[in-house]
PDB file of N, CA and C in Angstrom:
ATOM      1  N   UNK A   1     -60.438  16.449  71.635  1.00  0.00           N
ATOM      2  CA  UNK A   1     -61.464  16.966  72.525  1.00  0.00           C
ATOM      3  C   UNK A   1     -62.749  17.287  71.752  1.00  0.00           C
ATOM      4  N   UNK A   2     -62.608  17.852  70.547  1.00  0.00           N
ATOM      5  CA  UNK A   2     -63.792  18.199  69.757  1.00  0.00           C
ATOM      6  C   UNK A   2     -64.577  16.947  69.394  1.00  0.00           C
ATOM      7  N   UNK A   3     -63.870  15.899  68.968  1.00  0.00           N
ATOM      8  CA  UNK A   3     -64.544  14.656  68.593  1.00  0.00           C
ATOM      9  C   UNK A   3     -65.231  14.028  69.801  1.00  0.00           C
ATOM     10  N   UNK A   4     -64.581  14.062  70.946  1.00  0.00           N
ATOM     11  CA  UNK A   4     -65.177  13.501  72.165  1.00  0.00           C
ATOM     12  C   UNK A   4     -66.460  14.236  72.531  1.00  0.00           C
ATOM     13  N   UNK A   5     -66.488  15.563  72.329  1.00  0.00           N
ATOM     14  CA  UNK A   5     -67.680  16.341  72.675  1.00  0.00           C
ATOM     15  C   UNK A   5     -68.844  16.057  71.735  1.00  0.00           C
ATOM     16  N   UNK A   6     -68.560  15.410  70.584  1.00  0.00           N
ATOM     17  CA  UNK A   6     -69.597  15.132  69.601  1.00  0.00           C
ATOM     18  C   UNK A   6     -69.933  13.637  69.526  1.00  0.00           C
ATOM     19  N   UNK A   7     -69.488  12.874  70.522  1.00  0.00           N
ATOM     20  CA  UNK A   7     -69.809  11.442  70.564  1.00  0.00           C
ATOM     21  C   UNK A   7     -71.257  11.244  70.976  1.00  0.00           C
ATOM     22  N   UNK A   8     -71.826  10.132  70.562  1.00  0.00           N
ATOM     23  CA  UNK A   8     -73.178   9.764  70.968  1.00  0.00           C
ATOM     24  C   UNK A   8     -74.231  10.717  70.435  1.00  0.00           C
ATOM     25  N   UNK A   9     -75.438  10.608  70.989  1.00  0.00           N
ATOM     26  CA  UNK A   9     -76.569  11.401  70.502  1.00  0.00           C
ATOM     27  C   UNK A   9     -77.214  12.251  71.599  1.00  0.00           C
ATOM     28  N   UNK A  10     -76.601  12.313  72.774  1.00  0.00           N
ATOM     29  CA  UNK A  10     -77.183  13.040  73.902  1.00  0.00           C
ATOM     30  C   UNK A  10     -77.299  14.536  73.648  1.00  0.00           C
ATOM     31  N   UNK A  11     -76.264  15.150  73.129  1.00  0.00           N
ATOM     32  CA  UNK A  11     -76.242  16.601  72.915  1.00  0.00           C
ATOM     33  C   UNK A  11     -76.288  16.932  71.423  1.00  0.00           C
ATOM     34  N   UNK A  12     -77.212  16.314  70.713  1.00  0.00           N
ATOM     35  CA  UNK A  12     -77.303  16.446  69.259  1.00  0.00           C
ATOM     36  C   UNK A  12     -77.821  17.818  68.843  1.00  0.00           C
ATOM     37  N   UNK A  13     -77.099  18.444  67.913  1.00  0.00           N
ATOM     38  CA  UNK A  13     -77.550  19.666  67.254  1.00  0.00           C
ATOM     39  C   UNK A  13     -77.455  19.376  65.765  1.00  0.00           C
ATOM     40  N   UNK A  14     -78.592  19.159  65.104  1.00  0.00           N
ATOM     41  CA  UNK A  14     -78.584  18.735  63.710  1.00  0.00           C
ATOM     42  C   UNK A  14     -77.904  17.377  63.627  1.00  0.00           C
ATOM     43  N   UNK A  15     -76.852  17.289  62.840  1.00  0.00           N
ATOM     44  CA  UNK A  15     -76.088  16.043  62.749  1.00  0.00           C
ATOM     45  C   UNK A  15     -74.692  16.204  63.341  1.00  0.00           C
ATOM     46  N   UNK A  16     -74.528  17.195  64.204  1.00  0.00           N
ATOM     47  CA  UNK A  16     -73.234  17.452  64.840  1.00  0.00           C
ATOM     48  C   UNK A  16     -73.099  16.599  66.095  1.00  0.00           C
ATOM     49  N   UNK A  17     -73.269  15.303  65.883  1.00  0.00           N
ATOM     50  CA  UNK A  17     -73.181  14.311  66.953  1.00  0.00           C
ATOM     51  C   UNK A  17     -72.989  12.960  66.272  1.00  0.00           C
ATOM     52  N   UNK A  18     -72.900  11.898  67.051  1.00  0.00           N
ATOM     53  CA  UNK A  18     -72.809  10.566  66.472  1.00  0.00           C
ATOM     54  C   UNK A  18     -71.423  10.189  65.981  1.00  0.00           C
ATOM     55  N   UNK A  19     -70.397  10.903  66.435  1.00  0.00           N
ATOM     56  CA  UNK A  19     -69.020  10.592  66.044  1.00  0.00           C
ATOM     57  C   UNK A  19     -68.422   9.575  67.006  1.00  0.00           C
ATOM     58  N   UNK A  20     -67.650   8.641  66.476  1.00  0.00           N
ATOM     59  CA  UNK A  20     -66.951   7.645  67.286  1.00  0.00           C
ATOM     60  C   UNK A  20     -65.506   7.573  66.820  1.00  0.00           C
ATOM     61  N   UNK A  21     -64.573   7.649  67.763  1.00  0.00           N
ATOM     62  CA  UNK A  21     -63.158   7.468  67.429  1.00  0.00           C
ATOM     63  C   UNK A  21     -62.891   5.968  67.420  1.00  0.00           C
ATOM     64  N   UNK A  22     -62.467   5.444  66.280  1.00  0.00           N
ATOM     65  CA  UNK A  22     -62.206   4.010  66.149  1.00  0.00           C
ATOM     66  C   UNK A  22     -60.754   3.653  66.425  1.00  0.00           C
ATOM     67  N   UNK A  23     -59.831   4.493  65.945  1.00  0.00           N
ATOM     68  CA  UNK A  23     -58.418   4.207  66.197  1.00  0.00           C
ATOM     69  C   UNK A  23     -57.562   5.457  66.018  1.00  0.00           C
ATOM     70  N   UNK A  24     -56.479   5.482  66.774  1.00  0.00           N
ATOM     71  CA  UNK A  24     -55.467   6.519  66.642  1.00  0.00           C
ATOM     72  C   UNK A  24     -54.134   5.795  66.624  1.00  0.00           C
ATOM     73  N   UNK A  25     -53.433   5.921  65.500  1.00  0.00           N
ATOM     74  CA  UNK A  25     -52.130   5.277  65.359  1.00  0.00           C
ATOM     75  C   UNK A  25     -51.156   6.284  64.774  1.00  0.00           C
ATOM     76  N   UNK A  26     -50.153   6.663  65.549  1.00  0.00           N
ATOM     77  CA  UNK A  26     -49.193   7.649  65.072  1.00  0.00           C
ATOM     78  C   UNK A  26     -49.895   8.931  64.685  1.00  0.00           C
ATOM     79  N   UNK A  27     -49.830   9.278  63.416  1.00  0.00           N
ATOM     80  CA  UNK A  27     -50.454  10.502  62.919  1.00  0.00           C
ATOM     81  C   UNK A  27     -51.710  10.208  62.106  1.00  0.00           C
ATOM     82  N   UNK A  28     -52.361   9.095  62.397  1.00  0.00           N
ATOM     83  CA  UNK A  28     -53.569   8.697  61.679  1.00  0.00           C
ATOM     84  C   UNK A  28     -54.735   8.531  62.652  1.00  0.00           C
ATOM     85  N   UNK A  29     -55.872   9.109  62.292  1.00  0.00           N
ATOM     86  CA  UNK A  29     -57.082   9.030  63.112  1.00  0.00           C
ATOM     87  C   UNK A  29     -58.194   8.471  62.245  1.00  0.00           C
ATOM     88  N   UNK A  30     -58.872   7.426  62.732  1.00  0.00           N
ATOM     89  CA  UNK A  30     -60.012   6.842  62.016  1.00  0.00           C
ATOM     90  C   UNK A  30     -61.244   6.951  62.902  1.00  0.00           C
ATOM     91  N   UNK A  31     -62.332   7.409  62.274  1.00  0.00           N
ATOM     92  CA  UNK A  31     -63.574   7.646  63.006  1.00  0.00           C
ATOM     93  C   UNK A  31     -64.768   7.144  62.199  1.00  0.00           C
ATOM     94  N   UNK A  32     -65.917   7.123  62.855  1.00  0.00           N
ATOM     95  CA  UNK A  32     -67.193   6.837  62.201  1.00  0.00           C
ATOM     96  C   UNK A  32     -68.167   7.937  62.594  1.00  0.00           C
ATOM     97  N   UNK A  33     -68.987   8.361  61.644  1.00  0.00           N
ATOM     98  CA  UNK A  33     -70.089   9.275  61.954  1.00  0.00           C
ATOM     99  C   UNK A  33     -71.389   8.546  61.631  1.00  0.00           C
ATOM    100  N   UNK A  34     -72.301   8.536  62.582  1.00  0.00           N
ATOM    101  CA  UNK A  34     -73.617   7.915  62.402  1.00  0.00           C
ATOM    102  C   UNK A  34     -74.672   9.008  62.461  1.00  0.00           C
ATOM    103  N   UNK A  35     -75.545   9.054  61.452  1.00  0.00           N
ATOM    104  CA  UNK A  35     -76.588  10.077  61.439  1.00  0.00           C
ATOM    105  C   UNK A  35     -77.617   9.769  62.526  1.00  0.00           C
ATOM    106  N   UNK A  36     -78.143  10.794  63.182  1.00  0.00           N
ATOM    107  CA  UNK A  36     -79.023  10.578  64.330  1.00  0.00           C
ATOM    108  C   UNK A  36     -80.421  10.054  63.994  1.00  0.00           C
ATOM    109  N   UNK A  37     -80.912  10.278  62.788  1.00  0.00           N
ATOM    110  CA  UNK A  37     -82.284   9.872  62.462  1.00  0.00           C
ATOM    111  C   UNK A  37     -82.323   8.501  61.793  1.00  0.00           C
ATOM    112  N   UNK A  38     -81.647   8.357  60.676  1.00  0.00           N
ATOM    113  CA  UNK A  38     -81.707   7.094  59.925  1.00  0.00           C
ATOM    114  C   UNK A  38     -80.537   6.167  60.210  1.00  0.00           C
ATOM    115  N   UNK A  39     -79.581   6.631  60.993  1.00  0.00           N
ATOM    116  CA  UNK A  39     -78.424   5.836  61.437  1.00  0.00           C
ATOM    117  C   UNK A  39     -77.559   5.310  60.295  1.00  0.00           C
ATOM    118  N   UNK A  40     -77.415   6.138  59.238  1.00  0.00           N
ATOM    119  CA  UNK A  40     -76.444   5.841  58.196  1.00  0.00           C
ATOM    120  C   UNK A  40     -75.053   6.054  58.781  1.00  0.00           C
ATOM    121  N   UNK A  41     -74.074   5.305  58.295  1.00  0.00           N
ATOM    122  CA  UNK A  41     -72.713   5.439  58.810  1.00  0.00           C
ATOM    123  C   UNK A  41     -71.744   5.831  57.711  1.00  0.00           C
ATOM    124  N   UNK A  42     -70.817   6.716  58.087  1.00  0.00           N
ATOM    125  CA  UNK A  42     -69.761   7.170  57.200  1.00  0.00           C
ATOM    126  C   UNK A  42     -68.425   6.955  57.909  1.00  0.00           C
ATOM    127  N   UNK A  43     -67.410   6.564  57.144  1.00  0.00           N
ATOM    128  CA  UNK A  43     -66.067   6.348  57.691  1.00  0.00           C
ATOM    129  C   UNK A  43     -65.210   7.575  57.409  1.00  0.00           C
ATOM    130  N   UNK A  44     -64.535   8.085  58.441  1.00  0.00           N
ATOM    131  CA  UNK A  44     -63.687   9.271  58.320  1.00  0.00           C
ATOM    132  C   UNK A  44     -62.239   8.890  58.602  1.00  0.00           C
ATOM    133  N   UNK A  45     -61.335   9.451  57.811  1.00  0.00           N
ATOM    134  CA  UNK A  45     -59.907   9.208  57.996  1.00  0.00           C
ATOM    135  C   UNK A  45     -59.169  10.536  57.945  1.00  0.00           C
ATOM    136  N   UNK A  46     -58.272  10.737  58.899  1.00  0.00           N
ATOM    137  CA  UNK A  46     -57.420  11.923  58.949  1.00  0.00           C
ATOM    138  C   UNK A  46     -55.976  11.449  58.996  1.00  0.00           C
ATOM    139  N   UNK A  47     -55.182  11.843  58.018  1.00  0.00           N
ATOM    140  CA  UNK A  47     -53.747  11.547  57.998  1.00  0.00           C
ATOM    141  C   UNK A  47     -53.025  12.876  58.197  1.00  0.00           C
ATOM    142  N   UNK A  48     -52.327  13.017  59.315  1.00  0.00           N
ATOM    143  CA  UNK A  48     -51.698  14.285  59.676  1.00  0.00           C
ATOM    144  C   UNK A  48     -50.204  14.275  59.379  1.00  0.00           C
ATOM    145  N   UNK A  49     -49.693  15.439  58.975  1.00  0.00           N
ATOM    146  CA  UNK A  49     -48.263  15.598  58.723  1.00  0.00           C
ATOM    147  C   UNK A  49     -47.927  17.081  58.861  1.00  0.00           C
ATOM    148  N   UNK A  50     -46.652  17.400  58.792  1.00  0.00           N
ATOM    149  CA  UNK A  50     -46.207  18.799  58.824  1.00  0.00           C
ATOM    150  C   UNK A  50     -45.703  19.175  57.445  1.00  0.00           C
ATOM    151  N   UNK A  51     -45.940  20.431  57.046  1.00  0.00           N
ATOM    152  CA  UNK A  51     -45.406  20.891  55.761  1.00  0.00           C
ATOM    153  C   UNK A  51     -44.095  21.645  55.988  1.00  0.00           C
ATOM    154  N   UNK A  52     -43.546  22.224  54.939  1.00  0.00           N
ATOM    155  CA  UNK A  52     -42.255  22.907  55.038  1.00  0.00           C
ATOM    156  C   UNK A  52     -42.306  24.144  55.940  1.00  0.00           C
ATOM    157  N   UNK A  53     -43.478  24.703  56.150  1.00  0.00           N
ATOM    158  CA  UNK A  53     -43.637  25.855  57.037  1.00  0.00           C
ATOM    159  C   UNK A  53     -43.920  25.414  58.469  1.00  0.00           C
ATOM    160  N   UNK A  54     -43.780  24.107  58.727  1.00  0.00           N
ATOM    161  CA  UNK A  54     -44.018  23.511  60.033  1.00  0.00           C
ATOM    162  C   UNK A  54     -45.470  23.677  60.497  1.00  0.00           C
ATOM    163  N   UNK A  55     -46.382  23.737  59.551  1.00  0.00           N
ATOM    164  CA  UNK A  55     -47.807  23.798  59.854  1.00  0.00           C
ATOM    165  C   UNK A  55     -48.389  22.393  59.725  1.00  0.00           C
ATOM    166  N   UNK A  56     -49.471  22.142  60.415  1.00  0.00           N
ATOM    167  CA  UNK A  56     -50.128  20.842  60.360  1.00  0.00           C
ATOM    168  C   UNK A  56     -50.931  20.725  59.069  1.00  0.00           C
ATOM    169  N   UNK A  57     -50.780  19.605  58.384  1.00  0.00           N
ATOM    170  CA  UNK A  57     -51.524  19.315  57.162  1.00  0.00           C
ATOM    171  C   UNK A  57     -52.331  18.049  57.416  1.00  0.00           C
ATOM    172  N   UNK A  58     -53.594  18.077  57.021  1.00  0.00           N
ATOM    173  CA  UNK A  58     -54.449  16.911  57.188  1.00  0.00           C
ATOM    174  C   UNK A  58     -55.001  16.499  55.832  1.00  0.00           C
ATOM    175  N   UNK A  59     -54.685  15.285  55.423  1.00  0.00           N
ATOM    176  CA  UNK A  59     -55.276  14.701  54.223  1.00  0.00           C
ATOM    177  C   UNK A  59     -56.446  13.873  54.750  1.00  0.00           C
ATOM    178  N   UNK A  60     -57.664  14.367  54.554  1.00  0.00           N
ATOM    179  CA  UNK A  60     -58.828  13.777  55.203  1.00  0.00           C
ATOM    180  C   UNK A  60     -59.917  13.440  54.204  1.00  0.00           C
ATOM    181  N   UNK A  61     -60.666  12.417  54.528  1.00  0.00           N
ATOM    182  CA  UNK A  61     -61.806  12.080  53.688  1.00  0.00           C
ATOM    183  C   UNK A  61     -62.870  11.357  54.499  1.00  0.00           C
ATOM    184  N   UNK A  62     -64.101  11.442  54.000  1.00  0.00           N
ATOM    185  CA  UNK A  62     -65.256  10.781  54.595  1.00  0.00           C
ATOM    186  C   UNK A  62     -65.933   9.997  53.477  1.00  0.00           C
ATOM    187  N   UNK A  63     -66.220   8.733  53.747  1.00  0.00           N
ATOM    188  CA  UNK A  63     -66.822   7.851  52.751  1.00  0.00           C
ATOM    189  C   UNK A  63     -68.041   7.171  53.359  1.00  0.00           C
ATOM    190  N   UNK A  64     -69.138   7.193  52.645  1.00  0.00           N
ATOM    191  CA  UNK A  64     -70.354   6.551  53.124  1.00  0.00           C
ATOM    192  C   UNK A  64     -70.211   5.034  53.103  1.00  0.00           C
ATOM    193  N   UNK A  65     -70.729   4.378  54.139  1.00  0.00           N
ATOM    194  CA  UNK A  65     -70.764   2.916  54.156  1.00  0.00           C
ATOM    195  C   UNK A  65     -71.899   2.393  53.277  1.00  0.00           C
ATOM    196  N   UNK A  66     -72.819   3.279  52.895  1.00  0.00           N
ATOM    197  CA  UNK A  66     -73.925   2.927  52.015  1.00  0.00           C
ATOM    198  C   UNK A  66     -73.484   3.165  50.582  1.00  0.00           C
ATOM    199  N   UNK A  67     -73.428   2.126  49.774  1.00  0.00           N
ATOM    200  CA  UNK A  67     -72.869   2.201  48.423  1.00  0.00           C
ATOM    201  C   UNK A  67     -73.600   3.173  47.510  1.00  0.00           C
ATOM    202  N   UNK A  68     -74.883   3.401  47.728  1.00  0.00           N
ATOM    203  CA  UNK A  68     -75.666   4.222  46.815  1.00  0.00           C
ATOM    204  C   UNK A  68     -75.732   5.698  47.229  1.00  0.00           C
ATOM    205  N   UNK A  69     -75.004   6.082  48.249  1.00  0.00           N
ATOM    206  CA  UNK A  69     -75.039   7.475  48.722  1.00  0.00           C
ATOM    207  C   UNK A  69     -74.039   8.336  47.947  1.00  0.00           C
ATOM    208  N   UNK A  70     -74.302   8.549  46.668  1.00  0.00           N
ATOM    209  CA  UNK A  70     -73.400   9.339  45.830  1.00  0.00           C
ATOM    210  C   UNK A  70     -73.766  10.813  45.913  1.00  0.00           C
ATOM    211  N   UNK A  71     -75.003  11.154  45.671  1.00  0.00           N
ATOM    212  CA  UNK A  71     -75.464  12.532  45.767  1.00  0.00           C
ATOM    213  C   UNK A  71     -75.997  12.753  47.190  1.00  0.00           C
ATOM    214  N   UNK A  72     -75.078  13.071  48.090  1.00  0.00           N
ATOM    215  CA  UNK A  72     -75.395  13.114  49.521  1.00  0.00           C
ATOM    216  C   UNK A  72     -75.614  14.523  50.061  1.00  0.00           C
ATOM    217  N   UNK A  73     -75.794  15.505  49.182  1.00  0.00           N
ATOM    218  CA  UNK A  73     -75.971  16.912  49.556  1.00  0.00           C
ATOM    219  C   UNK A  73     -74.806  17.441  50.395  1.00  0.00           C
ATOM    220  N   UNK A  74     -73.630  16.897  50.167  1.00  0.00           N
ATOM    221  CA  UNK A  74     -72.438  17.363  50.865  1.00  0.00           C
ATOM    222  C   UNK A  74     -72.257  16.798  52.263  1.00  0.00           C
ATOM    223  N   UNK A  75     -73.021  15.756  52.605  1.00  0.00           N
ATOM    224  CA  UNK A  75     -72.945  15.190  53.952  1.00  0.00           C
ATOM    225  C   UNK A  75     -71.534  14.753  54.325  1.00  0.00           C
ATOM    226  N   UNK A  76     -70.836  14.081  53.411  1.00  0.00           N
ATOM    227  CA  UNK A  76     -69.483  13.625  53.736  1.00  0.00           C
ATOM    228  C   UNK A  76     -68.542  14.802  53.956  1.00  0.00           C
ATOM    229  N   UNK A  77     -68.687  15.858  53.184  1.00  0.00           N
ATOM    230  CA  UNK A  77     -67.898  17.070  53.425  1.00  0.00           C
ATOM    231  C   UNK A  77     -68.216  17.619  54.814  1.00  0.00           C
ATOM    232  N   UNK A  78     -69.499  17.722  55.138  1.00  0.00           N
ATOM    233  CA  UNK A  78     -69.913  18.285  56.430  1.00  0.00           C
ATOM    234  C   UNK A  78     -69.441  17.427  57.607  1.00  0.00           C
ATOM    235  N   UNK A  79     -69.343  16.112  57.415  1.00  0.00           N
ATOM    236  CA  UNK A  79     -68.794  15.260  58.482  1.00  0.00           C
ATOM    237  C   UNK A  79     -67.431  15.783  58.925  1.00  0.00           C
ATOM    238  N   UNK A  80     -66.596  16.146  57.953  1.00  0.00           N
ATOM    239  CA  UNK A  80     -65.252  16.650  58.238  1.00  0.00           C
ATOM    240  C   UNK A  80     -65.287  18.101  58.705  1.00  0.00           C
ATOM    241  N   UNK A  81     -66.034  18.929  58.007  1.00  0.00           N
ATOM    242  CA  UNK A  81     -66.101  20.365  58.314  1.00  0.00           C
ATOM    243  C   UNK A  81     -66.617  20.622  59.718  1.00  0.00           C
ATOM    244  N   UNK A  82     -67.645  19.895  60.133  1.00  0.00           N
ATOM    245  CA  UNK A  82     -68.206  20.103  61.463  1.00  0.00           C
ATOM    246  C   UNK A  82     -67.197  19.784  62.562  1.00  0.00           C
ATOM    247  N   UNK A  83     -66.386  18.752  62.355  1.00  0.00           N
ATOM    248  CA  UNK A  83     -65.332  18.435  63.325  1.00  0.00           C
ATOM    249  C   UNK A  83     -64.283  19.538  63.368  1.00  0.00           C
ATOM    250  N   UNK A  84     -63.859  20.001  62.201  1.00  0.00           N
ATOM    251  CA  UNK A  84     -62.863  21.074  62.143  1.00  0.00           C
ATOM    252  C   UNK A  84     -63.405  22.329  62.832  1.00  0.00           C
ATOM    253  N   UNK A  85     -64.645  22.692  62.546  1.00  0.00           N
ATOM    254  CA  UNK A  85     -65.242  23.869  63.175  1.00  0.00           C
ATOM    255  C   UNK A  85     -65.291  23.733  64.693  1.00  0.00           C
ATOM    256  N   UNK A  86     -65.562  22.534  65.182  1.00  0.00           N
ATOM    257  CA  UNK A  86     -65.649  22.302  66.631  1.00  0.00           C
ATOM    258  C   UNK A  86     -64.307  22.499  67.333  1.00  0.00           C
ATOM    259  N   UNK A  87     -63.202  22.359  66.599  1.00  0.00           N
ATOM    260  CA  UNK A  87     -61.879  22.547  67.207  1.00  0.00           C
ATOM    261  C   UNK A  87     -61.567  24.021  67.433  1.00  0.00           C
ATOM    262  N   UNK A  88     -62.187  24.884  66.629  1.00  0.00           N
ATOM    263  CA  UNK A  88     -61.890  26.304  66.731  1.00  0.00           C
ATOM    264  C   UNK A  88     -60.604  26.702  66.030  1.00  0.00           C
ATOM    265  N   UNK A  89     -59.953  25.752  65.353  1.00  0.00           N
ATOM    266  CA  UNK A  89     -58.711  26.047  64.645  1.00  0.00           C
ATOM    267  C   UNK A  89     -58.986  26.790  63.342  1.00  0.00           C
ATOM    268  N   UNK A  90     -58.062  27.642  62.955  1.00  0.00           N
ATOM    269  CA  UNK A  90     -58.156  28.329  61.666  1.00  0.00           C
ATOM    270  C   UNK A  90     -57.566  27.399  60.614  1.00  0.00           C
ATOM    271  N   UNK A  91     -58.311  27.130  59.546  1.00  0.00           N
ATOM    272  CA  UNK A  91     -57.854  26.191  58.529  1.00  0.00           C
ATOM    273  C   UNK A  91     -57.970  26.795  57.135  1.00  0.00           C
ATOM    274  N   UNK A  92     -57.190  26.254  56.232  1.00  0.00           N
ATOM    275  CA  UNK A  92     -57.281  26.559  54.815  1.00  0.00           C
ATOM    276  C   UNK A  92     -57.610  25.245  54.117  1.00  0.00           C
ATOM    277  N   UNK A  93     -58.657  25.252  53.307  1.00  0.00           N
ATOM    278  CA  UNK A  93     -59.094  24.031  52.619  1.00  0.00           C
ATOM    279  C   UNK A  93     -58.658  24.024  51.160  1.00  0.00           C
ATOM    280  N   UNK A  94     -58.425  22.837  50.662  1.00  0.00           N
ATOM    281  CA  UNK A  94     -58.264  22.614  49.229  1.00  0.00           C
ATOM    282  C   UNK A  94     -59.309  21.560  48.875  1.00  0.00           C
ATOM    283  N   UNK A  95     -60.444  22.018  48.361  1.00  0.00           N
ATOM    284  CA  UNK A  95     -61.560  21.112  48.072  1.00  0.00           C
ATOM    285  C   UNK A  95     -62.385  21.696  46.927  1.00  0.00           C
ATOM    286  N   UNK A  96     -63.029  20.824  46.171  1.00  0.00           N
ATOM    287  CA  UNK A  96     -63.886  21.254  45.061  1.00  0.00           C
ATOM    288  C   UNK A  96     -64.940  20.185  44.807  1.00  0.00           C
ATOM    289  N   UNK A  97     -65.902  20.487  43.958  1.00  0.00           N
ATOM    290  CA  UNK A  97     -66.936  19.504  43.614  1.00  0.00           C
ATOM    291  C   UNK A  97     -66.344  18.274  42.924  1.00  0.00           C
ATOM    292  N   UNK A  98     -65.225  18.444  42.253  1.00  0.00           N
ATOM    293  CA  UNK A  98     -64.618  17.299  41.567  1.00  0.00           C
ATOM    294  C   UNK A  98     -63.959  16.323  42.549  1.00  0.00           C
ATOM    295  N   UNK A  99     -63.585  16.800  43.717  1.00  0.00           N
ATOM    296  CA  UNK A  99     -62.974  15.919  44.719  1.00  0.00           C
ATOM    297  C   UNK A  99     -63.929  15.575  45.854  1.00  0.00           C
ATOM    298  N   UNK A 100     -65.010  16.337  45.954  1.00  0.00           N
ATOM    299  CA  UNK A 100     -65.964  16.137  47.053  1.00  0.00           C
ATOM    300  C   UNK A 100     -67.370  16.415  46.522  1.00  0.00           C
ATOM    301  N   UNK A 101     -68.140  15.357  46.306  1.00  0.00           N
ATOM    302  CA  UNK A 101     -69.465  15.468  45.694  1.00  0.00           C
ATOM    303  C   UNK A 101     -70.342  16.500  46.395  1.00  0.00           C
ATOM    304  N   UNK A 102     -70.857  17.422  45.625  1.00  0.00           N
ATOM    305  CA  UNK A 102     -71.791  18.455  46.057  1.00  0.00           C
ATOM    306  C   UNK A 102     -71.229  19.378  47.146  1.00  0.00           C
ATOM    307  N   UNK A 103     -69.922  19.531  47.173  1.00  0.00           N
ATOM    308  CA  UNK A 103     -69.268  20.428  48.133  1.00  0.00           C
ATOM    309  C   UNK A 103     -69.842  21.839  48.065  1.00  0.00           C
ATOM    310  N   UNK A 104     -70.006  22.385  46.859  1.00  0.00           N
ATOM    311  CA  UNK A 104     -70.421  23.787  46.700  1.00  0.00           C
ATOM    312  C   UNK A 104     -71.843  24.058  47.170  1.00  0.00           C
ATOM    313  N   UNK A 105     -72.648  23.028  47.325  1.00  0.00           N
ATOM    314  CA  UNK A 105     -74.029  23.239  47.805  1.00  0.00           C
ATOM    315  C   UNK A 105     -74.258  22.646  49.194  1.00  0.00           C
ATOM    316  N   UNK A 106     -73.187  22.226  49.852  1.00  0.00           N
ATOM    317  CA  UNK A 106     -73.308  21.611  51.182  1.00  0.00           C
ATOM    318  C   UNK A 106     -73.842  22.629  52.184  1.00  0.00           C
ATOM    319  N   UNK A 107     -74.750  22.187  53.036  1.00  0.00           N
ATOM    320  CA  UNK A 107     -75.306  23.011  54.110  1.00  0.00           C
ATOM    321  C   UNK A 107     -74.923  22.357  55.444  1.00  0.00           C
ATOM    322  N   UNK A 108     -73.773  22.738  55.966  1.00  0.00           N
ATOM    323  CA  UNK A 108     -73.271  22.098  57.185  1.00  0.00           C
ATOM    324  C   UNK A 108     -73.997  22.539  58.445  1.00  0.00           C
ATOM    325  N   UNK A 109     -74.909  23.521  58.343  1.00  0.00           N
ATOM    326  CA  UNK A 109     -75.749  23.837  59.497  1.00  0.00           C
ATOM    327  C   UNK A 109     -76.832  22.765  59.647  1.00  0.00           C
ATOM    328  N   UNK A 110     -77.115  22.060  58.541  1.00  0.00           N
ATOM    329  CA  UNK A 110     -78.115  20.980  58.551  1.00  0.00           C
ATOM    330  C   UNK A 110     -77.466  19.630  58.734  1.00  0.00           C
ATOM    331  N   UNK A 111     -76.367  19.366  57.983  1.00  0.00           N
ATOM    332  CA  UNK A 111     -75.723  18.052  58.008  1.00  0.00           C
ATOM    333  C   UNK A 111     -74.459  18.084  58.835  1.00  0.00           C
TER     334      UNK A 111
END
């Protein structure tokens, strides 16, 4: 439901729009995020599973389709974070600058 509410560019708030669900297979979700101004595209993947405490675990990542977008000011992190925030679910993250470029300086109110 959160991803559906962020499809297209009609109700854009910053970059919290432009999401497209590409496929759902079993416990795997693949999406695309397109930026509203320059129309850059990023590919998002969510692999869901349950842990020993029967909680949902998501191994997720966002990758730019533009090869030179290495220092992206945390945009790929924000692609994922903004979706999680839209669900209203309480989450615990395991992320760092070594696994997610510029995570510590990401401004998800902008991206």
